[in-house]
Amino acid sequence: MVGFKFMGKAHSHAYRDLPFFFDTDVEPVLQMLVGRDQNTVRLAAEKLGWLSYETDWRRLLERDDINVIDIDTPNGSHAEIAIAAAKAGKHVLCEKPLAMNALQAKEMWKAAEQAGVVHMICHNYRFAPAVQWAEKLIQEGVLGDIYHFRAQYLQDWIMDPEFPLVWRMRKEVTGSGTLGDLMAHSINLTRFFGREIREVSGLLETFIKTRPVGEMSGGLDAAASSGAVADVDVDDAAAALARFENGAVGVFEATRFAKGNRNGNRIEINGSKGSIRWAMDQMNTLELYLENDPLGIQGFRSITCTEGVHPYAGAYWPAGHPIGYEHAFINLMHEFMRGISGNGGNPSPSFEDGYPNQVVLEAIEQSVTAGAKVAITY
């Protein structure tokens, strides 16, 4: 695994807990952890349960006892590592967004396909049982014809003007701000529900133009400043209007400037027969409205998605006992291991899914630059 902070910790936990909840034909062995600083990566490897550590990710490609490369680095290095790993015959799991732009994403996808390795992008929110259940309801036509997708992803962790200019706010490293970091999740969810976006109109805004230079030191709100000041060249907030291939319309909003929202990932879908709502802060609950309910008792019902009938829920606790953020990663790793064992094909979301996601993100940026709607082709 390359990288070991926020996402590296989440992935390490998932690999270690996977055999506890799921029976798989292959089980992960945590062979080597890679980080730039030798002392820091050594301590991380000891804490997270990795057998060895290294400061150069290229060493991973040389080892016959390593079959998978897990990429948890800043976005700017995804393509180089993933393409090299695929060419070396390693299966690849990569954090989102897949790449810096659509061209890179396509190159990653094609390299993985040509090498015949399993490839997957880590959109973990897909793997909450409630989200999986929502997708099942939509595909079965329970909501009828889909008219609206409405998605928000709201955070507030960089609102302090003195919060440092960390890698997530440097275009040369991350590609974009909230657009790629947050809205990528929302776009991925709508595509998971079976609809492709064909036209977008976007808006991007940077509220704080300069910040002290700094580095991440742990979670999202942990950073240290060097004292120097530099310009912010990515968006603090992003919004987009979208038209889908079936004529449905979408409204997307992502920001890191919504005070009080620590991780406000929410989606609503409206159809001709009903609607659903889901929010990450109540991740085990799906709200469902159906028009065929009798008058007098119509309204959104709350479904607690912890029964065995709900995807993945049966692997955990008795009904009514919730699971958390970390379990979405375990569910994702389960699919990844099934793909590697040959039991599930190449699991989704794959690099093939990551490419059109990147096309949409790029089209939103193009729309902002042009001041006009942009038609999308994949």
Protein backbone atom coordinates (compact mmCIF):
# COMPACT_ATOMS: atom_id res chain seq x y z
CA MET A 1 0.00 0.00 0.00
CA VAL A 2 1.35 3.42 -1.01
CA GLY A 3 0.31 6.10 1.50
CA PHE A 4 -0.79 5.57 5.08
CA LYS A 5 -2.61 8.55 6.56
CA PHE A 6 -6.42 9.04 6.48
CA MET A 7 -7.32 6.66 3.66
CA GLY A 8 -4.36 4.38 4.35
CA LYS A 9 -5.66 3.86 7.86
CA ALA A 10 -9.18 3.13 6.57
CA HIS A 11 -7.86 0.63 4.00
CA SER A 12 -5.54 -1.08 6.50
CA HIS A 13 -8.40 -1.56 8.93
CA ALA A 14 -10.60 -3.01 6.18
CA TYR A 15 -7.98 -5.52 5.06
CA ARG A 16 -7.41 -6.68 8.63
CA ASP A 17 -11.11 -7.02 9.48
CA LEU A 18 -12.27 -8.52 6.18
CA PRO A 19 -11.70 -12.20 7.15
CA PHE A 20 -13.56 -11.62 10.42
CA PHE A 21 -16.82 -10.86 8.61
CA PHE A 22 -16.55 -12.46 5.15
CA ASP A 23 -15.46 -15.86 3.90
CA THR A 24 -13.25 -15.25 0.87
CA ASP A 25 -11.17 -17.53 -1.33
CA VAL A 26 -8.23 -15.15 -0.95
CA GLU A 27 -7.30 -13.23 2.18
CA PRO A 28 -5.16 -10.08 2.25
CA VAL A 29 -1.65 -10.26 3.71
CA LEU A 30 -0.29 -6.83 4.59
CA GLN A 31 3.19 -7.20 3.10
CA MET A 32 4.60 -3.70 2.61
CA LEU A 33 3.67 -0.11 3.41
CA VAL A 34 5.24 2.76 1.46
CA GLY A 35 5.76 6.34 2.62
CA ARG A 36 8.25 9.10 1.88
CA ASP A 37 9.75 9.46 5.37
CA GLN A 38 11.45 6.33 6.67
CA ASN A 39 10.87 6.91 10.37
CA THR A 40 7.22 7.91 9.93
CA VAL A 41 6.35 5.01 7.64
CA ARG A 42 8.12 2.58 9.99
CA LEU A 43 5.96 3.70 12.90
CA ALA A 44 2.83 3.57 10.71
CA ALA A 45 3.64 0.05 9.54
CA GLU A 46 3.99 -1.12 13.13
CA LYS A 47 0.71 0.50 14.18
CA LEU A 48 -1.36 -0.56 11.16
CA GLY A 49 -0.07 -4.13 11.04
CA TRP A 50 2.14 -4.16 7.94
CA LEU A 51 5.01 -6.68 7.80
CA SER A 52 7.55 -4.33 6.21
CA TYR A 53 7.96 -0.80 4.92
CA GLU A 54 9.72 1.09 2.13
CA THR A 55 10.22 4.68 0.97
CA ASP A 56 10.10 3.97 -2.80
CA TRP A 57 6.92 2.52 -4.26
CA ARG A 58 8.86 1.02 -7.15
CA ARG A 59 10.21 -1.63 -4.78
CA LEU A 60 6.68 -3.06 -4.63
CA LEU A 61 6.80 -3.94 -8.31
CA GLU A 62 9.91 -6.06 -7.86
CA ARG A 63 8.44 -8.43 -5.28
CA ASP A 64 6.83 -11.67 -6.39
CA ASP A 65 5.02 -12.03 -3.05
CA ILE A 66 3.05 -8.81 -3.66
CA ASN A 67 0.01 -9.24 -5.93
CA VAL A 68 -1.93 -6.05 -5.20
CA ILE A 69 -0.96 -2.37 -5.19
CA ASP A 70 -3.26 -0.11 -3.14
CA ILE A 71 -2.81 3.60 -3.99
CA ASP A 72 -3.69 6.12 -1.25
CA THR A 73 -1.46 8.98 -2.37
CA PRO A 74 -2.42 12.50 -3.51
CA ASN A 75 -4.15 12.49 -6.89
CA GLY A 76 -1.18 13.67 -8.93
CA SER A 77 0.68 10.36 -8.49
CA HIS A 78 -2.23 7.98 -9.13
CA ALA A 79 -1.64 7.49 -12.86
CA GLU A 80 2.10 6.82 -12.68
CA ILE A 81 1.78 4.25 -9.90
CA ALA A 82 -1.33 2.53 -11.29
CA ILE A 83 -0.01 2.17 -14.83
CA ALA A 84 3.34 0.84 -13.61
CA ALA A 85 1.59 -1.59 -11.25
CA ALA A 86 -0.68 -2.91 -14.01
CA LYS A 87 2.24 -3.40 -16.38
CA ALA A 88 3.98 -5.36 -13.61
CA GLY A 89 0.95 -7.66 -13.40
CA LYS A 90 -0.33 -6.34 -10.07
CA HIS A 91 -4.02 -5.89 -9.30
CA VAL A 92 -4.75 -2.23 -8.48
CA LEU A 93 -7.02 -0.44 -6.03
CA CYS A 94 -6.90 3.36 -6.28
CA GLU A 95 -8.41 6.12 -4.21
CA LYS A 96 -10.68 8.66 -5.86
CA PRO A 97 -10.73 10.75 -7.93
CA LEU A 98 -9.05 8.29 -10.24
CA ALA A 99 -6.75 10.81 -11.94
CA MET A 100 -5.96 14.46 -12.58
CA ASN A 101 -7.94 14.51 -15.83
CA ALA A 102 -9.91 12.33 -18.22
CA LEU A 103 -6.90 11.48 -20.41
CA GLN A 104 -4.97 10.10 -17.45
CA ALA A 105 -8.01 8.14 -16.27
CA LYS A 106 -8.44 6.56 -19.70
CA GLU A 107 -4.74 5.62 -19.81
CA MET A 108 -5.06 3.95 -16.39
CA TRP A 109 -8.15 2.04 -17.48
CA LYS A 110 -6.59 0.85 -20.74
CA ALA A 111 -3.34 -0.17 -19.02
CA ALA A 112 -5.23 -2.27 -16.48
CA GLU A 113 -7.42 -3.85 -19.15
CA GLN A 114 -4.46 -4.68 -21.39
CA ALA A 115 -2.59 -6.23 -18.45
CA GLY A 116 -5.61 -8.33 -17.49
CA VAL A 117 -5.45 -7.30 -13.83
CA VAL A 118 -8.34 -6.53 -11.52
CA HIS A 119 -8.81 -2.78 -11.07
CA MET A 120 -11.06 -0.87 -8.72
CA ILE A 121 -11.58 2.73 -7.58
CA CYS A 122 -12.39 3.32 -3.93
CA HIS A 123 -15.80 4.99 -3.91
CA ASN A 124 -16.66 3.54 -0.52
CA TYR A 125 -20.08 5.20 -0.13
CA ARG A 126 -21.50 2.86 -2.77
CA PHE A 127 -21.03 0.04 -0.29
CA ALA A 128 -23.28 1.24 2.51
CA PRO A 129 -26.14 -1.30 2.66
CA ALA A 130 -28.73 1.49 2.39
CA VAL A 131 -27.15 2.79 -0.84
CA GLN A 132 -27.01 -0.72 -2.28
CA TRP A 133 -30.68 -1.19 -1.36
CA ALA A 134 -31.59 2.12 -3.01
CA GLU A 135 -29.91 0.98 -6.22
CA LYS A 136 -31.90 -2.27 -6.11
CA LEU A 137 -35.19 -0.38 -5.71
CA ILE A 138 -34.36 1.89 -8.64
CA GLN A 139 -33.35 -0.97 -10.93
CA GLU A 140 -36.55 -2.86 -10.05
CA GLY A 141 -38.63 0.16 -11.07
CA VAL A 142 -40.04 0.84 -7.61
CA LEU A 143 -39.56 4.59 -8.14
CA GLY A 144 -40.84 4.48 -11.74
CA ASP A 145 -39.36 6.92 -14.25
CA ILE A 146 -36.56 8.97 -12.69
CA TYR A 147 -36.95 12.75 -12.97
CA HIS A 148 -34.51 14.27 -10.45
CA PHE A 149 -31.14 13.57 -8.87
CA ARG A 150 -30.28 16.00 -6.09
CA ALA A 151 -26.93 15.66 -4.32
CA GLN A 152 -25.01 17.66 -1.72
CA TYR A 153 -21.62 17.07 -0.19
CA LEU A 154 -20.98 19.70 2.48
CA GLN A 155 -17.98 20.10 4.78
CA ASP A 156 -16.49 22.96 6.81
CA TRP A 157 -12.92 21.98 7.70
CA ILE A 158 -11.02 24.73 5.81
CA MET A 159 -13.13 27.76 6.72
CA ASP A 160 -10.45 29.23 8.97
CA PRO A 161 -8.38 31.57 6.73
CA GLU A 162 -5.28 30.45 8.65
CA PHE A 163 -5.79 26.78 7.84
CA PRO A 164 -2.73 25.85 5.77
CA LEU A 165 -2.55 25.34 2.02
CA VAL A 166 -2.28 21.54 2.18
CA TRP A 167 -2.08 19.23 -0.85
CA ARG A 168 -5.87 19.06 -1.19
CA MET A 169 -5.79 22.76 -2.09
CA ARG A 170 -2.89 22.71 -4.59
CA LYS A 171 -3.95 22.21 -8.21
CA GLU A 172 -0.63 20.72 -9.34
CA VAL A 173 -1.09 17.91 -6.79
CA THR A 174 -4.85 17.42 -6.58
CA GLY A 175 -6.24 18.63 -9.92
CA SER A 176 -9.26 20.40 -8.41
CA GLY A 177 -10.70 21.25 -5.02
CA THR A 178 -14.15 20.27 -3.80
CA LEU A 179 -15.06 19.33 -7.36
CA GLY A 180 -12.80 16.27 -7.46
CA ASP A 181 -12.65 15.60 -3.74
CA LEU A 182 -16.37 15.74 -2.90
CA MET A 183 -18.55 16.08 -6.00
CA ALA A 184 -16.78 13.06 -7.49
CA HIS A 185 -18.57 10.95 -4.88
CA SER A 186 -21.98 12.43 -5.75
CA ILE A 187 -21.50 11.91 -9.50
CA ASN A 188 -20.36 8.36 -8.86
CA LEU A 189 -23.49 7.61 -6.86
CA THR A 190 -25.84 8.87 -9.60
CA ARG A 191 -23.96 6.78 -12.16
CA PHE A 192 -24.20 3.78 -9.80
CA PHE A 193 -27.96 4.24 -9.92
CA GLY A 194 -27.80 3.62 -13.65
CA ARG A 195 -27.86 7.01 -15.31
CA GLU A 196 -25.22 8.71 -17.48
CA ILE A 197 -24.84 12.50 -17.57
CA ARG A 198 -24.98 14.04 -21.05
CA GLU A 199 -24.81 17.80 -20.37
CA VAL A 200 -23.53 19.99 -17.54
CA SER A 201 -23.35 23.63 -16.53
CA GLY A 202 -20.99 24.46 -13.69
CA LEU A 203 -19.94 27.08 -11.17
CA LEU A 204 -16.73 27.16 -9.12
CA GLU A 205 -15.73 29.59 -6.38
CA THR A 206 -12.66 30.16 -4.23
CA PHE A 207 -13.54 32.18 -1.13
CA ILE A 208 -10.10 32.48 0.46
CA LYS A 209 -7.51 33.45 -2.15
CA THR A 210 -4.28 33.01 -0.15
CA ARG A 211 -3.24 30.73 2.71
CA PRO A 212 -0.14 29.86 4.72
CA VAL A 213 1.70 26.92 3.17
CA GLY A 214 1.45 23.66 5.12
CA GLU A 215 1.16 19.89 5.14
CA MET A 216 -1.45 17.39 6.33
CA SER A 217 -0.47 15.76 9.61
CA GLY A 218 -3.34 13.36 10.21
CA GLY A 219 -7.06 13.69 9.63
CA LEU A 220 -8.77 16.33 7.51
CA ASP A 221 -8.47 19.09 10.13
CA ALA A 222 -4.89 18.31 11.18
CA ALA A 223 -2.20 20.34 9.43
CA ALA A 224 0.98 22.25 10.18
CA SER A 225 2.01 25.58 8.64
CA SER A 226 5.48 26.57 7.45
CA GLY A 227 4.83 30.30 7.70
CA ALA A 228 5.09 31.11 3.98
CA VAL A 229 1.97 32.28 2.08
CA ALA A 230 0.77 31.15 -1.36
CA ASP A 231 -2.24 31.54 -3.66
CA VAL A 232 -5.11 29.04 -3.58
CA ASP A 233 -5.69 27.79 -7.13
CA VAL A 234 -8.54 25.29 -6.63
CA ASP A 235 -12.22 25.69 -5.81
CA ASP A 236 -13.61 25.97 -2.27
CA ALA A 237 -17.14 25.35 -3.59
CA ALA A 238 -18.60 23.77 -6.71
CA ALA A 239 -22.10 23.54 -8.16
CA ALA A 240 -23.44 21.93 -11.31
CA LEU A 241 -26.68 21.44 -13.19
CA ALA A 242 -26.85 18.23 -15.20
CA ARG A 243 -29.07 16.59 -17.78
CA PHE A 244 -29.09 12.80 -17.89
CA GLU A 245 -29.46 10.52 -20.89
CA ASN A 246 -33.05 9.61 -19.95
CA GLY A 247 -34.08 13.28 -19.65
CA ALA A 248 -33.76 13.47 -15.87
CA VAL A 249 -32.12 16.55 -14.39
CA GLY A 250 -29.57 16.78 -11.62
CA VAL A 251 -28.44 19.41 -9.13
CA PHE A 252 -25.04 18.94 -7.49
CA GLU A 253 -23.45 21.02 -4.75
CA ALA A 254 -20.11 20.51 -3.01
CA THR A 255 -18.38 22.84 -0.58
CA ARG A 256 -15.93 22.99 2.29
CA PHE A 257 -17.55 26.21 3.52
CA ALA A 258 -20.86 24.95 4.97
CA LYS A 259 -20.48 25.70 8.68
CA GLY A 260 -21.69 22.87 10.90
CA ASN A 261 -21.45 20.22 8.20
CA ARG A 262 -18.62 17.86 9.08
CA ASN A 263 -19.38 15.33 6.35
CA GLY A 264 -22.78 16.17 4.87
CA ASN A 265 -23.00 13.65 2.03
CA ARG A 266 -26.67 13.50 0.97
CA ILE A 267 -28.66 12.41 -2.07
CA GLU A 268 -32.34 12.49 -3.07
CA ILE A 269 -33.89 10.82 -6.12
CA ASN A 270 -37.41 11.58 -7.33
CA GLY A 271 -39.35 9.30 -9.68
CA SER A 272 -42.86 9.01 -11.06
CA LYS A 273 -43.88 6.50 -8.37
CA GLY A 274 -41.83 7.62 -5.38
CA SER A 275 -38.66 9.10 -3.95
CA ILE A 276 -35.69 8.08 -1.84
CA ARG A 277 -33.35 10.05 0.41
CA TRP A 278 -30.05 9.01 1.99
CA ALA A 279 -27.51 10.85 4.16
CA MET A 280 -24.12 9.62 5.32
CA ASP A 281 -24.62 10.86 8.88
CA GLN A 282 -27.50 8.33 9.11
CA MET A 283 -25.84 5.81 6.80
CA ASN A 284 -27.93 2.81 7.86
CA THR A 285 -31.22 4.57 7.12
CA LEU A 286 -32.94 4.90 3.74
CA GLU A 287 -35.99 7.16 3.49
CA LEU A 288 -38.59 5.97 0.99
CA TYR A 289 -41.82 7.57 -0.25
CA LEU A 290 -44.28 5.57 -2.39
CA GLU A 291 -47.30 7.14 -4.08
CA ASN A 292 -49.37 3.95 -3.75
CA ASP A 293 -49.56 4.23 0.02
CA PRO A 294 -53.14 5.07 1.07
CA LEU A 295 -54.07 8.69 1.64
CA GLY A 296 -53.71 9.65 5.26
CA ILE A 297 -50.55 7.60 5.83
CA GLN A 298 -48.46 8.80 2.91
CA GLY A 299 -45.04 10.16 3.78
CA PHE A 300 -41.37 9.23 3.89
CA ARG A 301 -40.79 6.02 5.84
CA SER A 302 -37.41 5.30 7.44
CA ILE A 303 -35.97 1.89 6.58
CA THR A 304 -33.19 0.70 8.86
CA CYS A 305 -31.00 -1.27 6.44
CA THR A 306 -29.53 -3.77 8.90
CA GLU A 307 -31.64 -6.82 8.03
CA GLY A 308 -30.03 -9.77 6.29
CA VAL A 309 -32.02 -8.95 3.14
CA HIS A 310 -30.06 -5.70 2.72
CA PRO A 311 -26.78 -6.12 0.78
CA TYR A 312 -23.78 -6.84 3.07
CA ALA A 313 -25.81 -6.29 6.26
CA GLY A 314 -26.08 -10.00 6.98
CA ALA A 315 -22.30 -10.28 7.33
CA TYR A 316 -22.31 -8.17 10.48
CA TRP A 317 -24.59 -7.93 13.51
CA PRO A 318 -28.20 -8.89 14.35
CA ALA A 319 -30.94 -6.75 12.79
CA GLY A 320 -31.13 -3.25 14.24
CA HIS A 321 -27.43 -3.11 15.13
CA PRO A 322 -25.83 -0.42 12.94
CA ILE A 323 -22.54 -0.55 11.11
CA GLY A 324 -20.28 2.45 10.47
CA TYR A 325 -18.08 4.32 8.01
CA GLU A 326 -15.29 1.76 8.22
CA HIS A 327 -17.58 -1.11 7.22
CA ALA A 328 -18.24 0.43 3.81
CA PHE A 329 -14.52 -0.08 3.12
CA ILE A 330 -14.71 -3.69 4.32
CA ASN A 331 -17.61 -4.33 1.93
CA LEU A 332 -15.61 -2.79 -0.91
CA MET A 333 -12.55 -4.91 -0.08
CA HIS A 334 -14.77 -7.99 -0.09
CA GLU A 335 -15.75 -7.28 -3.69
CA PHE A 336 -12.13 -6.56 -4.59
CA MET A 337 -10.99 -9.91 -3.17
CA ARG A 338 -13.84 -11.71 -4.95
CA GLY A 339 -12.65 -10.18 -8.20
CA ILE A 340 -9.07 -11.28 -7.56
CA SER A 341 -10.20 -14.82 -6.73
CA GLY A 342 -12.09 -14.97 -10.04
CA ASN A 343 -15.52 -15.34 -8.43
CA GLY A 344 -16.99 -11.95 -9.28
CA GLY A 345 -15.48 -10.70 -12.53
CA ASN A 346 -13.93 -7.24 -12.33
CA PRO A 347 -15.88 -5.52 -9.55
CA SER A 348 -17.43 -2.09 -9.88
CA PRO A 349 -16.56 0.74 -9.56
CA SER A 350 -13.61 -0.11 -11.79
CA PHE A 351 -11.25 2.16 -13.69
CA GLU A 352 -13.79 1.83 -16.49
CA ASP A 353 -16.26 3.57 -14.14
CA GLY A 354 -13.64 6.07 -13.01
CA TYR A 355 -13.01 7.32 -16.54
CA PRO A 356 -16.54 8.68 -17.29
CA ASN A 357 -16.63 10.13 -13.77
CA GLN A 358 -13.50 12.08 -14.68
CA VAL A 359 -15.05 13.15 -18.00
CA VAL A 360 -17.98 14.72 -16.14
CA LEU A 361 -15.69 16.53 -13.68
CA GLU A 362 -13.64 17.89 -16.57
CA ALA A 363 -16.77 19.00 -18.43
CA ILE A 364 -17.91 20.99 -15.38
CA GLU A 365 -14.57 22.83 -15.36
CA GLN A 366 -14.87 23.45 -19.10
CA SER A 367 -18.35 24.84 -18.57
CA VAL A 368 -17.07 27.31 -16.00
CA THR A 369 -14.28 28.46 -18.32
CA ALA A 370 -16.60 28.80 -21.32
CA GLY A 371 -19.53 30.26 -19.41
CA ALA A 372 -21.83 27.85 -21.22
CA LYS A 373 -23.34 24.38 -21.06
CA VAL A 374 -21.06 21.54 -22.18
CA ALA A 375 -22.30 18.41 -23.92
CA ILE A 376 -20.59 15.21 -22.80
CA THR A 377 -19.37 12.29 -24.87
CA TYR A 378 -17.51 9.35 -23.36
